[in-house]
Protein backbone atom coordinates (compact mmCIF):
# COMPACT_ATOMS: atom_id res chain seq x y z
CA MET A 1 -70.06 16.61 -58.58
CA LYS A 2 -71.08 16.78 -54.91
CA LYS A 3 -67.78 15.27 -53.84
CA LEU A 4 -65.94 17.99 -55.72
CA PHE A 5 -68.06 20.70 -54.08
CA TYR A 6 -67.35 19.39 -50.59
CA THR A 7 -63.63 18.97 -51.29
CA LEU A 8 -63.43 22.50 -52.56
CA LEU A 9 -65.38 23.77 -49.58
CA LEU A 10 -62.94 22.23 -47.12
CA PHE A 11 -59.93 23.36 -49.14
CA LEU A 12 -61.04 26.95 -49.40
CA LEU A 13 -62.20 27.30 -45.81
CA VAL A 14 -58.74 26.52 -44.47
CA THR A 15 -56.64 28.40 -47.04
CA SER A 16 -58.05 31.91 -47.18
CA CYS A 17 -60.04 34.66 -45.52
CA GLU A 18 -62.53 34.12 -48.28
CA THR A 19 -65.00 31.34 -47.66
CA VAL A 20 -67.17 29.11 -49.75
CA ASN A 21 -70.56 28.69 -48.14
CA LYS A 22 -72.89 25.78 -48.82
CA VAL A 23 -76.60 26.32 -49.42
CA THR A 24 -79.46 23.99 -50.34
CA ILE A 25 -81.83 25.14 -53.06
CA SER A 26 -85.06 23.63 -54.42
CA CYS A 27 -84.93 22.67 -58.09
CA MET A 28 -87.91 21.60 -60.18
CA SER A 29 -87.18 18.80 -62.63
CA PRO A 30 -89.45 17.33 -65.29
CA GLY A 31 -90.61 13.74 -65.33
CA ILE A 32 -89.30 11.45 -68.06
CA PHE A 33 -92.79 10.94 -69.48
CA ASN A 34 -95.03 13.67 -70.90
CA PHE A 35 -98.61 12.97 -69.87
CA PRO A 36 -101.00 14.55 -72.38
CA ASN A 37 -103.00 17.37 -70.82
CA GLU A 38 -106.16 15.36 -71.50
CA ILE A 39 -105.09 12.87 -68.84
CA LYS A 40 -106.47 14.57 -65.75
CA LYS A 41 -107.53 11.58 -63.66
CA VAL A 42 -105.43 8.47 -63.15
CA GLY A 43 -106.05 5.15 -61.46
CA VAL A 44 -103.44 3.14 -59.55
CA VAL A 45 -103.78 -0.65 -59.56
CA ASN A 46 -101.89 -3.40 -57.76
CA ASN A 47 -100.96 -5.80 -60.56
CA LEU A 48 -98.39 -7.86 -58.65
CA ARG A 49 -98.46 -11.58 -59.41
CA TYR A 50 -98.33 -13.23 -56.04
CA THR A 51 -96.48 -16.50 -55.54
CA PHE A 52 -95.61 -18.73 -52.62
CA GLY A 53 -93.10 -21.04 -54.32
CA THR A 54 -89.65 -20.92 -52.73
CA ASP A 55 -87.80 -20.68 -56.04
CA SER A 56 -89.87 -17.79 -57.36
CA LEU A 57 -89.78 -16.02 -54.03
CA GLY A 58 -86.06 -16.44 -53.86
CA LYS A 59 -85.70 -14.88 -57.29
CA HIS A 60 -88.25 -12.13 -57.09
CA TYR A 61 -89.86 -11.51 -53.74
CA ARG A 62 -87.71 -12.27 -50.78
CA LEU A 63 -85.16 -10.56 -48.68
CA SER A 64 -81.69 -12.01 -49.00
CA GLU A 65 -81.02 -15.14 -46.94
CA LYS A 66 -78.38 -13.03 -45.23
CA ILE A 67 -81.19 -11.41 -43.27
CA LEU A 68 -84.11 -13.87 -43.35
CA ASN A 69 -84.31 -17.65 -43.14
CA SER A 70 -87.80 -17.74 -44.69
CA PRO A 71 -89.27 -16.02 -47.75
CA PHE A 72 -91.41 -12.96 -47.36
CA HIS A 73 -94.39 -11.73 -49.27
CA PRO A 74 -94.07 -8.10 -50.43
CA ASP A 75 -97.09 -6.04 -49.59
CA GLY A 76 -98.25 -4.84 -53.01
CA SER A 77 -101.27 -3.12 -51.51
CA ARG A 78 -99.04 -1.10 -49.20
CA THR A 79 -96.83 -0.08 -52.10
CA ALA A 80 -99.79 0.79 -54.34
CA ASP A 81 -101.32 2.89 -51.54
CA SER A 82 -98.02 4.69 -51.03
CA PHE A 83 -97.71 5.27 -54.79
CA ALA A 84 -101.22 6.71 -55.06
CA LYS A 85 -100.68 8.95 -52.04
CA ALA A 86 -97.38 10.29 -53.40
CA LEU A 87 -99.02 11.06 -56.74
CA SER A 88 -101.94 12.76 -55.04
CA ASP A 89 -99.69 14.83 -52.75
CA ASN A 90 -97.91 16.29 -55.78
CA LYS A 91 -101.25 17.63 -57.12
CA TYR A 92 -100.22 17.11 -60.73
CA PHE A 93 -103.43 15.31 -61.66
CA ASP A 94 -106.94 16.48 -60.85
CA GLU A 95 -107.65 13.17 -59.13
CA VAL A 96 -105.81 9.97 -58.21
CA VAL A 97 -107.98 6.90 -57.62
CA ILE A 98 -106.74 3.56 -56.27
CA CYS A 99 -108.28 0.21 -57.08
CA ASP A 100 -109.48 -1.49 -53.89
CA SER A 101 -108.31 -5.02 -54.75
CA ALA A 102 -105.23 -6.74 -56.13
CA LEU A 103 -105.73 -7.91 -59.71
CA ARG A 104 -103.63 -11.09 -59.45
CA SER A 105 -104.31 -12.29 -55.91
CA LYS A 106 -105.37 -15.76 -57.14
CA ASP A 107 -102.25 -16.48 -59.18
CA GLU A 108 -100.42 -19.59 -58.01
CA TYR A 109 -97.06 -19.03 -59.71
CA TYR A 110 -94.91 -16.10 -60.75
CA ARG A 111 -95.71 -14.55 -64.09
CA ARG A 112 -95.54 -11.08 -65.48
CA ILE A 113 -97.94 -10.20 -68.25
CA PRO A 114 -99.27 -6.76 -69.19
CA LEU A 115 -102.87 -5.73 -68.74
CA ASP A 116 -104.82 -6.48 -71.89
CA THR A 117 -106.94 -3.88 -73.66
CA ALA A 118 -110.21 -5.15 -72.19
CA GLU A 119 -108.82 -4.99 -68.64
CA VAL A 120 -107.58 -1.44 -69.17
CA LYS A 121 -110.94 -0.30 -70.53
CA ASP A 122 -112.85 -1.97 -67.71
CA LEU A 123 -110.56 -0.46 -65.07
CA ALA A 124 -110.66 3.00 -66.63
CA GLU A 125 -114.47 2.95 -66.84
CA GLY A 126 -114.90 1.49 -63.38
CA LEU A 127 -112.54 3.96 -61.74
CA GLU A 128 -113.68 6.80 -64.02
CA VAL A 129 -110.13 7.75 -64.96
CA ASP A 130 -108.25 8.64 -68.13
CA ALA A 131 -105.21 6.39 -67.58
CA ILE A 132 -104.12 3.40 -65.50
CA LEU A 133 -100.82 3.27 -63.62
CA SER A 134 -100.09 -0.36 -62.88
CA LEU A 135 -97.70 -1.63 -60.21
CA ASP A 136 -96.45 -4.71 -62.09
CA GLU A 137 -93.53 -5.91 -60.03
CA LEU A 138 -91.70 -5.21 -56.79
CA ASN A 139 -88.14 -6.41 -56.30
CA ILE A 140 -86.59 -5.98 -52.88
CA THR A 141 -83.25 -7.32 -51.68
CA ALA A 142 -82.03 -6.53 -48.17
CA GLU A 143 -78.68 -7.47 -46.71
CA LYS A 144 -77.54 -7.29 -43.12
CA SER A 145 -73.94 -6.94 -41.98
CA ILE A 146 -72.51 -6.95 -38.45
CA THR A 147 -68.98 -5.59 -38.26
CA PRO A 148 -66.57 -4.97 -35.35
CA ARG A 149 -65.55 -1.31 -35.27
CA PRO A 150 -62.54 -0.81 -32.97
CA ASP A 151 -62.38 2.83 -34.09
CA LEU A 152 -65.87 3.32 -32.67
CA ASN A 153 -65.25 1.05 -29.69
CA GLY A 154 -68.27 -1.02 -30.63
CA ILE A 155 -70.16 -3.18 -33.12
CA GLU A 156 -71.69 -1.66 -36.25
CA GLY A 157 -74.84 -3.12 -37.76
CA THR A 158 -76.09 -2.18 -41.22
CA ILE A 159 -79.13 -3.19 -43.25
CA SER A 160 -79.24 -2.12 -46.89
CA SER A 161 -82.53 -2.58 -48.72
CA LYS A 162 -82.37 -2.27 -52.51
CA ILE A 163 -85.77 -1.59 -54.03
CA GLN A 164 -87.08 -1.66 -57.58
CA PRO A 165 -90.77 -1.10 -58.36
CA ILE A 166 -91.85 -1.60 -61.97
CA VAL A 167 -94.74 0.59 -63.10
CA SER A 168 -96.55 0.68 -66.47
CA ILE A 169 -98.83 3.38 -67.89
CA TYR A 170 -101.91 2.37 -69.87
CA VAL A 171 -104.58 4.33 -71.73
CA PRO A 172 -107.79 2.75 -73.03
CA THR A 173 -107.08 3.72 -76.63
CA HIS A 174 -103.69 2.01 -76.81
CA ARG A 175 -102.86 -1.68 -76.86
CA GLY A 176 -100.29 -2.55 -74.22
CA PRO A 177 -98.42 -0.10 -71.98
CA VAL A 178 -97.47 3.26 -73.46
CA PHE A 179 -94.57 3.58 -71.03
CA THR A 180 -92.86 1.42 -68.39
CA ILE A 181 -90.29 2.43 -65.80
CA ALA A 182 -88.17 0.33 -63.45
CA PRO A 183 -86.38 2.83 -61.19
CA LYS A 184 -84.09 1.74 -58.37
CA ASP A 185 -83.43 3.20 -54.95
CA SER A 186 -82.38 2.03 -51.52
CA ILE A 187 -82.85 2.50 -47.78
CA LEU A 188 -80.06 2.18 -45.25
CA TRP A 189 -80.31 1.46 -41.54
CA ASN A 190 -77.10 1.91 -39.52
CA GLU A 191 -76.56 1.47 -35.80
CA VAL A 192 -73.58 1.09 -33.43
CA GLY A 193 -73.79 -0.81 -30.15
CA THR A 194 -71.60 -2.54 -27.61
CA THR A 195 -72.45 -6.16 -28.47
CA VAL A 196 -73.66 -8.15 -31.47
CA GLY A 197 -76.81 -9.13 -29.58
CA GLU A 198 -77.65 -5.52 -28.74
CA VAL A 199 -77.20 -4.41 -32.35
CA GLU A 200 -79.21 -7.28 -33.83
CA THR A 201 -82.11 -7.43 -31.37
CA GLN A 202 -82.40 -3.92 -29.94
CA LEU A 203 -80.95 -1.36 -32.34
CA LEU A 204 -81.52 -2.59 -35.89
CA PRO A 205 -85.16 -2.82 -37.00
CA PRO A 206 -86.82 -6.25 -37.11
CA ASP A 207 -87.38 -7.93 -40.48
CA SER A 208 -91.06 -6.99 -40.43
CA THR A 209 -90.15 -3.31 -40.17
CA VAL A 210 -87.61 -3.59 -42.99
CA ILE A 211 -90.26 -5.19 -45.20
CA ARG A 212 -92.97 -2.68 -44.30
CA GLU A 213 -90.83 0.41 -44.73
CA SER A 214 -89.28 -0.92 -47.94
CA CYS A 215 -92.73 -1.54 -49.43
CA GLU A 216 -93.95 1.90 -48.37
CA TYR A 217 -90.87 3.63 -49.75
CA ALA A 218 -91.15 1.67 -53.00
CA GLY A 219 -94.38 3.52 -53.78
CA THR A 220 -92.67 6.91 -53.66
CA ILE A 221 -89.82 6.01 -56.02
CA PRO A 222 -91.65 6.14 -59.40
CA VAL A 223 -93.24 9.54 -58.77
CA LYS A 224 -90.13 11.63 -59.38
CA TYR A 225 -89.62 9.82 -62.69
CA LEU A 226 -93.18 10.27 -63.93
CA ILE A 227 -94.15 13.86 -63.11
CA PRO A 228 -92.49 17.22 -62.40
CA HIS A 229 -91.04 17.25 -58.91
CA TRP A 230 -88.92 19.28 -56.54
CA ASP A 231 -85.43 18.16 -55.52
CA ASN A 232 -83.16 19.68 -52.91
CA GLU A 233 -79.67 20.21 -54.29
CA ASN A 234 -76.49 21.57 -52.74
CA ARG A 235 -74.81 24.65 -54.14
CA VAL A 236 -71.92 26.85 -53.02
CA TYR A 237 -71.24 30.58 -53.15
CA PHE A 238 -68.43 32.92 -52.16
CA SER A 239 -68.13 35.19 -49.16
CA ASP A 240 -65.29 36.94 -47.32
CA GLN A 241 -64.64 37.03 -43.59
CA THR A 242 -63.20 40.56 -43.87
CA SER A 243 -66.04 42.08 -45.90
CA THR A 244 -69.04 43.32 -43.95
CA PRO A 245 -71.32 43.54 -47.02
CA LEU A 246 -70.53 39.97 -48.01
CA LYS A 247 -71.14 38.73 -44.48
CA ILE A 248 -74.51 40.48 -44.61
CA ALA A 249 -75.19 38.75 -47.92
CA VAL A 250 -74.63 35.41 -46.17
CA PHE A 251 -77.24 36.45 -43.60
CA TYR A 252 -79.74 37.12 -46.39
CA VAL A 253 -79.02 33.85 -48.21
CA GLU A 254 -79.50 31.86 -45.03
CA ARG A 255 -82.94 33.44 -44.69
CA GLY A 256 -83.89 32.97 -48.32
CA ASN A 257 -83.77 36.67 -49.20
CA TRP A 258 -81.98 36.18 -52.50
CA LYS A 259 -82.91 39.59 -53.89
CA ALA A 260 -81.17 41.38 -51.01
CA ALA A 261 -78.10 39.16 -51.41
CA GLU A 262 -78.03 39.78 -55.15
CA LYS A 263 -78.12 43.54 -54.59
CA ILE A 264 -74.98 43.29 -52.44
CA TRP A 265 -73.15 40.95 -54.82
CA LYS A 266 -73.89 43.16 -57.81
CA SER A 267 -72.82 46.28 -55.91
CA VAL A 268 -69.51 44.66 -54.97
CA TYR A 269 -69.04 43.53 -58.56
CA ASN A 270 -69.62 47.04 -59.91
CA LYS A 271 -67.28 48.69 -57.39
CA LYS A 272 -64.30 46.32 -57.36
CA LYS A 273 -61.54 45.98 -59.93
CA SER A 274 -59.84 42.90 -58.50
CA GLN A 275 -60.29 40.04 -60.96
CA GLY A 276 -60.47 37.61 -58.06
CA ILE A 277 -63.40 39.44 -56.46
CA LEU A 278 -65.08 39.89 -59.84
CA MET A 279 -64.77 36.14 -60.41
CA ARG A 280 -66.38 35.32 -57.06
CA MET A 281 -69.22 37.80 -57.44
CA SER A 282 -69.91 36.54 -60.98
CA PHE A 283 -70.19 33.03 -59.57
CA ASN A 284 -72.62 34.27 -56.93
CA MET A 285 -74.71 36.09 -59.52
CA ALA A 286 -74.97 32.86 -61.52
CA LEU A 287 -76.41 31.19 -58.43
CA TYR A 288 -78.92 34.00 -57.95
CA CYS A 289 -80.06 33.61 -61.57
CA GLU A 290 -80.39 29.84 -61.17
CA VAL A 291 -82.55 30.25 -58.07
CA ASN A 292 -84.83 32.43 -60.20
CA SER A 293 -84.83 29.95 -63.12
CA GLN A 294 -82.92 32.41 -65.34
CA PHE A 295 -80.58 29.80 -66.75
CA GLY A 296 -79.46 31.79 -69.79
CA GLU A 297 -78.38 34.69 -67.55
CA ALA A 298 -76.77 32.26 -65.11
CA LEU A 299 -74.62 30.83 -67.90
CA LYS A 300 -73.54 34.35 -68.91
CA TRP A 301 -72.44 35.08 -65.36
CA ILE A 302 -70.58 31.79 -64.95
CA ASP A 303 -68.77 32.51 -68.22
CA LYS A 304 -67.77 35.90 -66.77
CA ALA A 305 -66.46 34.10 -63.69
CA ARG A 306 -64.21 31.96 -65.89
CA THR A 307 -62.99 35.00 -67.84
CA HIS A 308 -62.11 36.91 -64.67
CA LEU A 309 -60.26 33.88 -63.30
CA MET A 310 -58.19 33.43 -66.46
CA THR A 311 -57.45 37.18 -66.57
CA LYS A 312 -56.37 37.15 -62.93
CA CYS A 313 -53.99 34.26 -63.58
CA LYS A 314 -52.85 35.64 -66.94
CA ALA A 315 -53.57 32.23 -68.41
CA SER A 316 -54.87 31.33 -71.85
CA ASN A 317 -55.34 27.63 -71.11
CA PRO A 318 -56.77 25.92 -68.00
CA LYS A 319 -53.77 23.57 -68.03
CA GLU A 320 -51.67 26.56 -67.00
CA LEU A 321 -53.61 26.88 -63.74
CA ALA A 322 -52.39 25.34 -60.52
CA GLY A 323 -53.29 25.20 -56.83
CA LYS A 324 -56.29 27.21 -55.74
CA SER A 325 -56.84 28.64 -59.23
CA ALA A 326 -57.17 25.13 -60.65
CA TYR A 327 -59.77 24.34 -57.98
CA TYR A 328 -61.67 27.49 -58.89
CA TYR A 329 -61.65 26.53 -62.55
CA ASP A 330 -62.99 23.06 -61.76
CA LEU A 331 -65.68 24.58 -59.54
CA ILE A 332 -66.78 26.91 -62.33
CA LYS A 333 -66.78 24.10 -64.90
CA GLU A 334 -68.82 21.79 -62.69
CA TYR A 335 -71.39 24.50 -62.03
CA GLU A 336 -71.58 25.41 -65.70
CA ASP A 337 -72.40 21.78 -66.53
CA ILE A 338 -75.19 21.79 -63.92
CA LEU A 339 -76.66 24.98 -65.36
CA LYS A 340 -76.54 23.63 -68.92
CA LYS A 341 -78.40 20.48 -67.90
CA ARG A 342 -81.06 22.47 -66.09
CA LYS A 343 -81.48 24.77 -69.08
CA GLU A 344 -81.87 21.77 -71.39
CA LYS A 345 -84.76 20.51 -69.28
CA THR A 346 -86.76 23.76 -69.35
CA GLY A 347 -88.55 22.92 -72.60
CA GLN A 348 -89.79 19.57 -71.33
CA LEU A 349 -90.74 21.12 -68.00
CA LYS A 350 -92.83 23.79 -69.74
CA ILE A 351 -94.67 21.11 -71.69
CA GLN A 352 -95.45 19.18 -68.53
CA LEU A 353 -96.61 22.26 -66.64
CA SER A 354 -98.68 23.62 -69.50
CA ARG A 355 -101.74 21.82 -68.11
CA PHE A 356 -101.83 24.50 -65.40
CA GLY A 357 -101.73 27.36 -67.91
CA ASN A 358 -98.64 28.70 -66.12
CA GLU A 359 -95.32 26.89 -66.31
CA ASN A 360 -94.12 28.59 -63.13
CA LYS A 361 -96.95 27.31 -61.00
């Protein structure tokens, strides 16, 4: 989807007086788990099973031998702290409490077993919380590559750290976890220098930094899967280099004054008869409605954009479109799919925000 947007942006910028401007908007998405409203306080525990055996470390807890010659010990406490902080910063729960000690620090070999009912009850009572969020496992694999780059007149060094924390949710009244997630994400370090030695020893971070930052970042990954969260997403909208009102609308969008921009777009839409302009203003109006969480209205406007495009091209089937018109059709279709997905999530989002008594909070 993003690739299509950027391709269209480049194509349109160089082929017409009209322009397609990019803008970043904030979108709230629901978590994949609905916490009951009764769960107001949660406890975070470090339930990693530590091990020092080479085989287990090689399988579960070490950076790839491509970067390290010796196994490393992931810092579960650092990840648990980061997880608790990220949860607390989102202010979804009344309180987030972290257990001071690791639960499995005396284990001598790798094993993964869930918390039993007695442990969950003891932890919930001791921490005075309604649910336990347990960091059960932390898988990190980092690879380093050093590559000659004649095009850059130098040496490129890259470290890619692939991270997967596994988190389970427990409540005292339920045996075993009620939900478990194992999301994946990654961090990339990239540097270019003149020699291999410079890249490896001066520009790329040392192994200790890779481990520390990977463990810290691991704690933030589960949050966007568990609770409502904000994401920044790229969108596009139409302008025209020869239209003063539309250039003013760009000024308003860049400053977040969507209402002023909408007033201009709607005025242009009501005054113009050109199907091409009507199509572009309809697209813009759909974006305005999305920004204001009016997804039903946004879909009506994007449907109008498609109708105006087909009328302009005197086409009854998208297969009849070619060139710029085909790009426009694809742009409209891609945006319509985005709007439909966001609309589908509104019900779940309302449920998750109902604990605040106002789903728009």
